[in-house]
Amino acid sequence: MLFFGVLYHQRNPLLALEHVSRLARECAVIETHYLKSETRPVLRFYPGNSLNQDPTNYWGPSLSCLEMMLQEVGFRSVKLVDTWSSDDDRATLTAYK
């Protein structure tokens, strides 16, 4: 299952990942904005249009937070595929059932 550019737009990101976990048979590939400067498990809220002037951007997880969230919803292992910067910091991860 592919879940690209969606997580940070969700009002309830953990609930969204629960849906992803239920739909994924073997794995899910997640691409999202992430907090590059944060190593602790943190989920930052962006009110209004404070992330890239887009009022539909709500959340930014650190990589450790995203890994823990994916494990919490039922993925047994998570692998970081890549990170990069464009207008913001992006990451792609693969989560396995």
PDB file of N, CA and C in Angstrom:
ATOM      1  N   MET A   1       0.840  -1.170   0.000  1.00  0.00           N
ATOM      2  CA  MET A   1       0.000   0.000   0.000  1.00  0.00           C
ATOM      3  C   MET A   1       0.890   1.241   0.000  1.00  0.00           C
ATOM      4  N   LEU A   2       0.497   2.241  -0.769  1.00  0.00           N
ATOM      5  CA  LEU A   2       1.217   3.513  -0.825  1.00  0.00           C
ATOM      6  C   LEU A   2       0.436   4.588  -0.080  1.00  0.00           C
ATOM      7  N   PHE A   3       1.129   5.352   0.742  1.00  0.00           N
ATOM      8  CA  PHE A   3       0.522   6.430   1.527  1.00  0.00           C
ATOM      9  C   PHE A   3       1.471   7.626   1.426  1.00  0.00           C
ATOM     10  N   PHE A   4       1.403   8.306   0.293  1.00  0.00           N
ATOM     11  CA  PHE A   4       2.349   9.372  -0.027  1.00  0.00           C
ATOM     12  C   PHE A   4       1.715  10.745   0.152  1.00  0.00           C
ATOM     13  N   GLY A   5       2.384  11.605   0.927  1.00  0.00           N
ATOM     14  CA  GLY A   5       1.975  12.989   1.063  1.00  0.00           C
ATOM     15  C   GLY A   5       0.609  13.190   1.696  1.00  0.00           C
ATOM     16  N   VAL A   6       0.230  12.273   2.585  1.00  0.00           N
ATOM     17  CA  VAL A   6      -1.112  12.326   3.175  1.00  0.00           C
ATOM     18  C   VAL A   6      -1.071  12.532   4.689  1.00  0.00           C
ATOM     19  N   LEU A   7      -0.108  11.919   5.368  1.00  0.00           N
ATOM     20  CA  LEU A   7      -0.119  11.883   6.831  1.00  0.00           C
ATOM     21  C   LEU A   7      -0.193  13.272   7.462  1.00  0.00           C
ATOM     22  N   TYR A   8       0.609  14.198   7.011  1.00  0.00           N
ATOM     23  CA  TYR A   8       0.661  15.520   7.637  1.00  0.00           C
ATOM     24  C   TYR A   8      -0.592  16.351   7.371  1.00  0.00           C
ATOM     25  N   HIS A   9      -1.467  15.874   6.494  1.00  0.00           N
ATOM     26  CA  HIS A   9      -2.748  16.541   6.237  1.00  0.00           C
ATOM     27  C   HIS A   9      -3.874  16.001   7.119  1.00  0.00           C
ATOM     28  N   GLN A  10      -3.629  14.950   7.863  1.00  0.00           N
ATOM     29  CA  GLN A  10      -4.666  14.300   8.662  1.00  0.00           C
ATOM     30  C   GLN A  10      -4.844  14.982  10.009  1.00  0.00           C
ATOM     31  N   ARG A  11      -6.085  15.249  10.365  1.00  0.00           N
ATOM     32  CA  ARG A  11      -6.356  15.816  11.693  1.00  0.00           C
ATOM     33  C   ARG A  11      -6.022  14.811  12.790  1.00  0.00           C
ATOM     34  N   ASN A  12      -6.183  13.534  12.508  1.00  0.00           N
ATOM     35  CA  ASN A  12      -5.913  12.462  13.467  1.00  0.00           C
ATOM     36  C   ASN A  12      -4.919  11.476  12.852  1.00  0.00           C
ATOM     37  N   PRO A  13      -3.624  11.788  12.924  1.00  0.00           N
ATOM     38  CA  PRO A  13      -2.638  10.976  12.204  1.00  0.00           C
ATOM     39  C   PRO A  13      -2.536   9.531  12.694  1.00  0.00           C
ATOM     40  N   LEU A  14      -2.688   9.273  13.971  1.00  0.00           N
ATOM     41  CA  LEU A  14      -2.606   7.895  14.445  1.00  0.00           C
ATOM     42  C   LEU A  14      -3.797   7.083  13.937  1.00  0.00           C
ATOM     43  N   LEU A  15      -4.963   7.677  13.913  1.00  0.00           N
ATOM     44  CA  LEU A  15      -6.138   7.010  13.361  1.00  0.00           C
ATOM     45  C   LEU A  15      -5.944   6.711  11.875  1.00  0.00           C
ATOM     46  N   ALA A  16      -5.365   7.653  11.154  1.00  0.00           N
ATOM     47  CA  ALA A  16      -5.093   7.431   9.732  1.00  0.00           C
ATOM     48  C   ALA A  16      -4.144   6.250   9.548  1.00  0.00           C
ATOM     49  N   LEU A  17      -3.118   6.155  10.392  1.00  0.00           N
ATOM     50  CA  LEU A  17      -2.177   5.036  10.290  1.00  0.00           C
ATOM     51  C   LEU A  17      -2.838   3.713  10.691  1.00  0.00           C
ATOM     52  N   GLU A  18      -3.810   3.746  11.587  1.00  0.00           N
ATOM     53  CA  GLU A  18      -4.566   2.531  11.910  1.00  0.00           C
ATOM     54  C   GLU A  18      -5.303   2.025  10.671  1.00  0.00           C
ATOM     55  N   HIS A  19      -5.893   2.949   9.913  1.00  0.00           N
ATOM     56  CA  HIS A  19      -6.573   2.566   8.668  1.00  0.00           C
ATOM     57  C   HIS A  19      -5.580   1.985   7.666  1.00  0.00           C
ATOM     58  N   VAL A  20      -4.420   2.596   7.554  1.00  0.00           N
ATOM     59  CA  VAL A  20      -3.377   2.086   6.651  1.00  0.00           C
ATOM     60  C   VAL A  20      -2.992   0.668   7.061  1.00  0.00           C
ATOM     61  N   SER A  21      -2.813   0.447   8.346  1.00  0.00           N
ATOM     62  CA  SER A  21      -2.429  -0.876   8.832  1.00  0.00           C
ATOM     63  C   SER A  21      -3.495  -1.920   8.527  1.00  0.00           C
ATOM     64  N   ARG A  22      -4.746  -1.559   8.682  1.00  0.00           N
ATOM     65  CA  ARG A  22      -5.826  -2.505   8.379  1.00  0.00           C
ATOM     66  C   ARG A  22      -5.883  -2.845   6.895  1.00  0.00           C
ATOM     67  N   LEU A  23      -5.569  -1.883   6.040  1.00  0.00           N
ATOM     68  CA  LEU A  23      -5.646  -2.099   4.594  1.00  0.00           C
ATOM     69  C   LEU A  23      -4.410  -2.779   4.012  1.00  0.00           C
ATOM     70  N   ALA A  24      -3.276  -2.605   4.657  1.00  0.00           N
ATOM     71  CA  ALA A  24      -2.021  -3.176   4.143  1.00  0.00           C
ATOM     72  C   ALA A  24      -1.988  -4.674   4.409  1.00  0.00           C
ATOM     73  N   ARG A  25      -1.628  -5.441   3.386  1.00  0.00           N
ATOM     74  CA  ARG A  25      -1.528  -6.894   3.570  1.00  0.00           C
ATOM     75  C   ARG A  25      -0.142  -7.301   4.043  1.00  0.00           C
ATOM     76  N   GLU A  26       0.886  -6.787   3.386  1.00  0.00           N
ATOM     77  CA  GLU A  26       2.248  -7.146   3.760  1.00  0.00           C
ATOM     78  C   GLU A  26       3.071  -5.949   4.219  1.00  0.00           C
ATOM     79  N   CYS A  27       2.880  -4.822   3.515  1.00  0.00           N
ATOM     80  CA  CYS A  27       3.660  -3.643   3.878  1.00  0.00           C
ATOM     81  C   CYS A  27       2.954  -2.383   3.403  1.00  0.00           C
ATOM     82  N   ALA A  28       3.434  -1.264   3.915  1.00  0.00           N
ATOM     83  CA  ALA A  28       2.967   0.052   3.485  1.00  0.00           C
ATOM     84  C   ALA A  28       4.197   0.926   3.280  1.00  0.00           C
ATOM     85  N   VAL A  29       4.163   1.748   2.253  1.00  0.00           N
ATOM     86  CA  VAL A  29       5.230   2.713   1.997  1.00  0.00           C
ATOM     87  C   VAL A  29       4.644   4.087   2.297  1.00  0.00           C
ATOM     88  N   ILE A  30       5.273   4.776   3.239  1.00  0.00           N
ATOM     89  CA  ILE A  30       4.772   6.064   3.717  1.00  0.00           C
ATOM     90  C   ILE A  30       5.770   7.146   3.346  1.00  0.00           C
ATOM     91  N   GLU A  31       5.288   8.193   2.712  1.00  0.00           N
ATOM     92  CA  GLU A  31       6.114   9.375   2.403  1.00  0.00           C
ATOM     93  C   GLU A  31       5.438  10.549   3.087  1.00  0.00           C
ATOM     94  N   THR A  32       6.238  11.358   3.793  1.00  0.00           N
ATOM     95  CA  THR A  32       5.646  12.456   4.552  1.00  0.00           C
ATOM     96  C   THR A  32       6.662  13.543   4.876  1.00  0.00           C
ATOM     97  N   HIS A  33       6.138  14.677   5.271  1.00  0.00           N
ATOM     98  CA  HIS A  33       6.951  15.718   5.903  1.00  0.00           C
ATOM     99  C   HIS A  33       7.404  15.163   7.252  1.00  0.00           C
ATOM    100  N   TYR A  34       8.628  15.497   7.656  1.00  0.00           N
ATOM    101  CA  TYR A  34       9.085  15.071   8.980  1.00  0.00           C
ATOM    102  C   TYR A  34       9.952  16.161   9.601  1.00  0.00           C
ATOM    103  N   LEU A  35      10.170  16.034  10.903  1.00  0.00           N
ATOM    104  CA  LEU A  35      10.984  16.986  11.658  1.00  0.00           C
ATOM    105  C   LEU A  35      12.439  16.539  11.630  1.00  0.00           C
ATOM    106  N   LYS A  36      13.199  17.107  10.743  1.00  0.00           N
ATOM    107  CA  LYS A  36      14.598  16.712  10.567  1.00  0.00           C
ATOM    108  C   LYS A  36      15.447  17.024  11.797  1.00  0.00           C
ATOM    109  N   SER A  37      15.165  18.116  12.456  1.00  0.00           N
ATOM    110  CA  SER A  37      16.001  18.570  13.570  1.00  0.00           C
ATOM    111  C   SER A  37      15.674  17.882  14.893  1.00  0.00           C
ATOM    112  N   GLU A  38      14.691  16.997  14.902  1.00  0.00           N
ATOM    113  CA  GLU A  38      14.250  16.388  16.157  1.00  0.00           C
ATOM    114  C   GLU A  38      14.546  14.895  16.180  1.00  0.00           C
ATOM    115  N   THR A  39      15.274  14.424  17.189  1.00  0.00           N
ATOM    116  CA  THR A  39      15.557  12.995  17.310  1.00  0.00           C
ATOM    117  C   THR A  39      14.623  12.307  18.305  1.00  0.00           C
ATOM    118  N   ARG A  40      14.044  13.076  19.218  1.00  0.00           N
ATOM    119  CA  ARG A  40      13.091  12.493  20.181  1.00  0.00           C
ATOM    120  C   ARG A  40      11.782  12.169  19.466  1.00  0.00           C
ATOM    121  N   PRO A  41      10.950  11.281  20.030  1.00  0.00           N
ATOM    122  CA  PRO A  41       9.648  10.992  19.426  1.00  0.00           C
ATOM    123  C   PRO A  41       8.673  12.148  19.665  1.00  0.00           C
ATOM    124  N   VAL A  42       8.556  13.014  18.655  1.00  0.00           N
ATOM    125  CA  VAL A  42       7.749  14.227  18.757  1.00  0.00           C
ATOM    126  C   VAL A  42       6.822  14.326  17.563  1.00  0.00           C
ATOM    127  N   LEU A  43       5.599  14.781  17.819  1.00  0.00           N
ATOM    128  CA  LEU A  43       4.642  15.089  16.756  1.00  0.00           C
ATOM    129  C   LEU A  43       4.277  16.559  16.918  1.00  0.00           C
ATOM    130  N   ARG A  44       4.729  17.392  16.000  1.00  0.00           N
ATOM    131  CA  ARG A  44       4.520  18.843  16.092  1.00  0.00           C
ATOM    132  C   ARG A  44       3.246  19.246  15.349  1.00  0.00           C
ATOM    133  N   PHE A  45       2.438  20.076  16.009  1.00  0.00           N
ATOM    134  CA  PHE A  45       1.217  20.607  15.413  1.00  0.00           C
ATOM    135  C   PHE A  45       1.520  21.936  14.734  1.00  0.00           C
ATOM    136  N   TYR A  46       0.995  22.107  13.506  1.00  0.00           N
ATOM    137  CA  TYR A  46       1.150  23.349  12.753  1.00  0.00           C
ATOM    138  C   TYR A  46      -0.215  24.026  12.629  1.00  0.00           C
ATOM    139  N   PRO A  47      -0.487  25.042  13.435  1.00  0.00           N
ATOM    140  CA  PRO A  47      -1.788  25.718  13.346  1.00  0.00           C
ATOM    141  C   PRO A  47      -1.881  26.631  12.122  1.00  0.00           C
ATOM    142  N   GLY A  48      -3.109  26.854  11.673  1.00  0.00           N
ATOM    143  CA  GLY A  48      -3.334  27.764  10.544  1.00  0.00           C
ATOM    144  C   GLY A  48      -2.565  27.331   9.318  1.00  0.00           C
ATOM    145  N   ASN A  49      -1.856  28.274   8.736  1.00  0.00           N
ATOM    146  CA  ASN A  49      -1.072  27.952   7.544  1.00  0.00           C
ATOM    147  C   ASN A  49       0.431  28.075   7.829  1.00  0.00           C
ATOM    148  N   SER A  50       0.832  27.683   9.029  1.00  0.00           N
ATOM    149  CA  SER A  50       2.213  27.881   9.453  1.00  0.00           C
ATOM    150  C   SER A  50       3.217  26.923   8.809  1.00  0.00           C
ATOM    151  N   LEU A  51       2.758  25.845   8.182  1.00  0.00           N
ATOM    152  CA  LEU A  51       3.675  24.976   7.431  1.00  0.00           C
ATOM    153  C   LEU A  51       3.444  25.206   5.943  1.00  0.00           C
ATOM    154  N   ASN A  52       4.379  25.888   5.313  1.00  0.00           N
ATOM    155  CA  ASN A  52       4.342  26.156   3.866  1.00  0.00           C
ATOM    156  C   ASN A  52       3.092  26.909   3.400  1.00  0.00           C
ATOM    157  N   GLN A  53       2.559  27.736   4.273  1.00  0.00           N
ATOM    158  CA  GLN A  53       1.399  28.564   3.918  1.00  0.00           C
ATOM    159  C   GLN A  53       0.194  27.733   3.450  1.00  0.00           C
ATOM    160  N   ASP A  54       0.059  26.526   3.992  1.00  0.00           N
ATOM    161  CA  ASP A  54      -1.038  25.633   3.607  1.00  0.00           C
ATOM    162  C   ASP A  54      -1.862  25.305   4.844  1.00  0.00           C
ATOM    163  N   PRO A  55      -3.119  25.747   4.899  1.00  0.00           N
ATOM    164  CA  PRO A  55      -3.936  25.494   6.099  1.00  0.00           C
ATOM    165  C   PRO A  55      -4.348  24.031   6.268  1.00  0.00           C
ATOM    166  N   THR A  56      -4.031  23.162   5.294  1.00  0.00           N
ATOM    167  CA  THR A  56      -4.359  21.745   5.443  1.00  0.00           C
ATOM    168  C   THR A  56      -3.178  20.924   5.943  1.00  0.00           C
ATOM    169  N   ASN A  57      -2.056  21.578   6.230  1.00  0.00           N
ATOM    170  CA  ASN A  57      -0.906  20.903   6.834  1.00  0.00           C
ATOM    171  C   ASN A  57      -1.048  21.007   8.350  1.00  0.00           C
ATOM    172  N   TYR A  58      -1.173  19.866   9.030  1.00  0.00           N
ATOM    173  CA  TYR A  58      -1.418  19.877  10.471  1.00  0.00           C
ATOM    174  C   TYR A  58      -0.259  19.360  11.322  1.00  0.00           C
ATOM    175  N   TRP A  59       0.450  18.323  10.861  1.00  0.00           N
ATOM    176  CA  TRP A  59       1.384  17.624  11.728  1.00  0.00           C
ATOM    177  C   TRP A  59       2.736  17.362  11.069  1.00  0.00           C
ATOM    178  N   GLY A  60       3.763  17.312  11.892  1.00  0.00           N
ATOM    179  CA  GLY A  60       5.083  16.902  11.462  1.00  0.00           C
ATOM    180  C   GLY A  60       5.679  15.978  12.507  1.00  0.00           C
ATOM    181  N   PRO A  61       5.860  14.697  12.192  1.00  0.00           N
ATOM    182  CA  PRO A  61       6.469  13.779  13.155  1.00  0.00           C
ATOM    183  C   PRO A  61       7.985  13.736  12.994  1.00  0.00           C
ATOM    184  N   SER A  62       8.666  13.448  14.085  1.00  0.00           N
ATOM    185  CA  SER A  62      10.080  13.085  13.968  1.00  0.00           C
ATOM    186  C   SER A  62      10.119  11.656  13.440  1.00  0.00           C
ATOM    187  N   LEU A  63      11.264  11.233  12.927  1.00  0.00           N
ATOM    188  CA  LEU A  63      11.372   9.864  12.408  1.00  0.00           C
ATOM    189  C   LEU A  63      11.135   8.837  13.506  1.00  0.00           C
ATOM    190  N   SER A  64      11.652   9.096  14.705  1.00  0.00           N
ATOM    191  CA  SER A  64      11.441   8.141  15.797  1.00  0.00           C
ATOM    192  C   SER A  64       9.973   8.078  16.188  1.00  0.00           C
ATOM    193  N   CYS A  65       9.277   9.195  16.157  1.00  0.00           N
ATOM    194  CA  CYS A  65       7.842   9.205  16.448  1.00  0.00           C
ATOM    195  C   CYS A  65       7.077   8.423  15.387  1.00  0.00           C
ATOM    196  N   LEU A  66       7.402   8.653  14.141  1.00  0.00           N
ATOM    197  CA  LEU A  66       6.710   7.960  13.055  1.00  0.00           C
ATOM    198  C   LEU A  66       6.926   6.451  13.158  1.00  0.00           C
ATOM    199  N   GLU A  67       8.137   6.033  13.461  1.00  0.00           N
ATOM    200  CA  GLU A  67       8.406   4.609  13.624  1.00  0.00           C
ATOM    201  C   GLU A  67       7.564   4.027  14.769  1.00  0.00           C
ATOM    202  N   MET A  68       7.511   4.720  15.902  1.00  0.00           N
ATOM    203  CA  MET A  68       6.719   4.248  17.040  1.00  0.00           C
ATOM    204  C   MET A  68       5.224   4.210  16.721  1.00  0.00           C
ATOM    205  N   MET A  69       4.755   5.206  15.990  1.00  0.00           N
ATOM    206  CA  MET A  69       3.340   5.232  15.608  1.00  0.00           C
ATOM    207  C   MET A  69       3.008   4.045  14.714  1.00  0.00           C
ATOM    208  N   LEU A  70       3.878   3.749  13.762  1.00  0.00           N
ATOM    209  CA  LEU A  70       3.645   2.622  12.860  1.00  0.00           C
ATOM    210  C   LEU A  70       3.662   1.291  13.617  1.00  0.00           C
ATOM    211  N   GLN A  71       4.548   1.164  14.570  1.00  0.00           N
ATOM    212  CA  GLN A  71       4.572  -0.052  15.377  1.00  0.00           C
ATOM    213  C   GLN A  71       3.336  -0.142  16.269  1.00  0.00           C
ATOM    214  N   GLU A  72       2.882   0.975  16.773  1.00  0.00           N
ATOM    215  CA  GLU A  72       1.692   1.013  17.631  1.00  0.00           C
ATOM    216  C   GLU A  72       0.447   0.522  16.900  1.00  0.00           C
ATOM    217  N   VAL A  73       0.378   0.769  15.604  1.00  0.00           N
ATOM    218  CA  VAL A  73      -0.815   0.370  14.839  1.00  0.00           C
ATOM    219  C   VAL A  73      -0.676  -1.005  14.200  1.00  0.00           C
ATOM    220  N   GLY A  74       0.420  -1.719  14.497  1.00  0.00           N
ATOM    221  CA  GLY A  74       0.490  -3.103  14.066  1.00  0.00           C
ATOM    222  C   GLY A  74       1.573  -3.494  13.084  1.00  0.00           C
ATOM    223  N   PHE A  75       2.440  -2.578  12.713  1.00  0.00           N
ATOM    224  CA  PHE A  75       3.556  -2.950  11.849  1.00  0.00           C
ATOM    225  C   PHE A  75       4.698  -3.460  12.723  1.00  0.00           C
ATOM    226  N   ARG A  76       5.269  -4.604  12.353  1.00  0.00           N
ATOM    227  CA  ARG A  76       6.301  -5.215  13.200  1.00  0.00           C
ATOM    228  C   ARG A  76       7.672  -4.597  12.998  1.00  0.00           C
ATOM    229  N   SER A  77       7.943  -4.092  11.796  1.00  0.00           N
ATOM    230  CA  SER A  77       9.234  -3.447  11.559  1.00  0.00           C
ATOM    231  C   SER A  77       9.065  -2.292  10.580  1.00  0.00           C
ATOM    232  N   VAL A  78       9.945  -1.318  10.738  1.00  0.00           N
ATOM    233  CA  VAL A  78       9.905  -0.108   9.919  1.00  0.00           C
ATOM    234  C   VAL A  78      11.313   0.174   9.436  1.00  0.00           C
ATOM    235  N   LYS A  79      11.453   0.436   8.149  1.00  0.00           N
ATOM    236  CA  LYS A  79      12.762   0.747   7.569  1.00  0.00           C
ATOM    237  C   LYS A  79      12.701   2.116   6.888  1.00  0.00           C
ATOM    238  N   LEU A  80      13.695   2.931   7.174  1.00  0.00           N
ATOM    239  CA  LEU A  80      13.830   4.220   6.501  1.00  0.00           C
ATOM    240  C   LEU A  80      14.380   3.978   5.111  1.00  0.00           C
ATOM    241  N   VAL A  81      13.692   4.475   4.090  1.00  0.00           N
ATOM    242  CA  VAL A  81      14.132   4.316   2.703  1.00  0.00           C
ATOM    243  C   VAL A  81      15.011   5.484   2.296  1.00  0.00           C
ATOM    244  N   ASP A  82      14.541   6.715   2.568  1.00  0.00           N
ATOM    245  CA  ASP A  82      15.278   7.894   2.117  1.00  0.00           C
ATOM    246  C   ASP A  82      14.743   9.136   2.810  1.00  0.00           C
ATOM    247  N   THR A  83      15.585  10.149   2.901  1.00  0.00           N
ATOM    248  CA  THR A  83      15.165  11.487   3.328  1.00  0.00           C
ATOM    249  C   THR A  83      15.723  12.482   2.335  1.00  0.00           C
ATOM    250  N   TRP A  84      15.062  13.611   2.197  1.00  0.00           N
ATOM    251  CA  TRP A  84      15.530  14.671   1.309  1.00  0.00           C
ATOM    252  C   TRP A  84      14.825  15.965   1.671  1.00  0.00           C
ATOM    253  N   SER A  85      15.321  17.046   1.109  1.00  0.00           N
ATOM    254  CA  SER A  85      14.716  18.354   1.313  1.00  0.00           C
ATOM    255  C   SER A  85      14.308  18.923  -0.030  1.00  0.00           C
ATOM    256  N   SER A  86      13.108  19.457  -0.067  1.00  0.00           N
ATOM    257  CA  SER A  86      12.638  20.240  -1.216  1.00  0.00           C
ATOM    258  C   SER A  86      12.212  21.567  -0.608  1.00  0.00           C
ATOM    259  N   ASP A  87      10.926  21.852  -0.556  1.00  0.00           N
ATOM    260  CA  ASP A  87      10.452  23.026   0.179  1.00  0.00           C
ATOM    261  C   ASP A  87      10.436  22.743   1.676  1.00  0.00           C
ATOM    262  N   ASP A  88      10.393  21.472   2.032  1.00  0.00           N
ATOM    263  CA  ASP A  88      10.448  21.048   3.428  1.00  0.00           C
ATOM    264  C   ASP A  88      11.182  19.712   3.499  1.00  0.00           C
ATOM    265  N   ASP A  89      11.351  19.198   4.698  1.00  0.00           N
ATOM    266  CA  ASP A  89      12.063  17.932   4.875  1.00  0.00           C
ATOM    267  C   ASP A  89      11.098  16.768   4.692  1.00  0.00           C
ATOM    268  N   ARG A  90      11.498  15.803   3.875  1.00  0.00           N
ATOM    269  CA  ARG A  90      10.641  14.673   3.507  1.00  0.00           C
ATOM    270  C   ARG A  90      11.342  13.361   3.828  1.00  0.00           C
ATOM    271  N   ALA A  91      10.532  12.347   4.120  1.00  0.00           N
ATOM    272  CA  ALA A  91      11.063  11.017   4.385  1.00  0.00           C
ATOM    273  C   ALA A  91      10.146   9.978   3.768  1.00  0.00           C
ATOM    274  N   THR A  92      10.743   8.875   3.367  1.00  0.00           N
ATOM    275  CA  THR A  92       9.990   7.711   2.908  1.00  0.00           C
ATOM    276  C   THR A  92      10.403   6.531   3.766  1.00  0.00           C
ATOM    277  N   LEU A  93       9.411   5.812   4.277  1.00  0.00           N
ATOM    278  CA  LEU A  93       9.638   4.633   5.100  1.00  0.00           C
ATOM    279  C   LEU A  93       8.794   3.482   4.574  1.00  0.00           C
ATOM    280  N   THR A  94       9.270   2.262   4.813  1.00  0.00           N
ATOM    281  CA  THR A  94       8.486   1.066   4.511  1.00  0.00           C
ATOM    282  C   THR A  94       8.198   0.385   5.842  1.00  0.00           C
ATOM    283  N   ALA A  95       6.917   0.081   6.067  1.00  0.00           N
ATOM    284  CA  ALA A  95       6.476  -0.574   7.289  1.00  0.00           C
ATOM    285  C   ALA A  95       5.955  -1.970   6.925  1.00  0.00           C
ATOM    286  N   TYR A  96       6.451  -2.975   7.640  1.00  0.00           N
ATOM    287  CA  TYR A  96       6.116  -4.366   7.329  1.00  0.00           C
ATOM    288  C   TYR A  96       5.226  -4.960   8.414  1.00  0.00           C
ATOM    289  N   LYS A  97       4.234  -5.758   7.984  1.00  0.00           N
ATOM    290  CA  LYS A  97       3.323  -6.442   8.900  1.00  0.00           C
ATOM    291  C   LYS A  97       4.021  -7.581   9.599  1.00  0.00           C
TER     292      LYS A  97
END
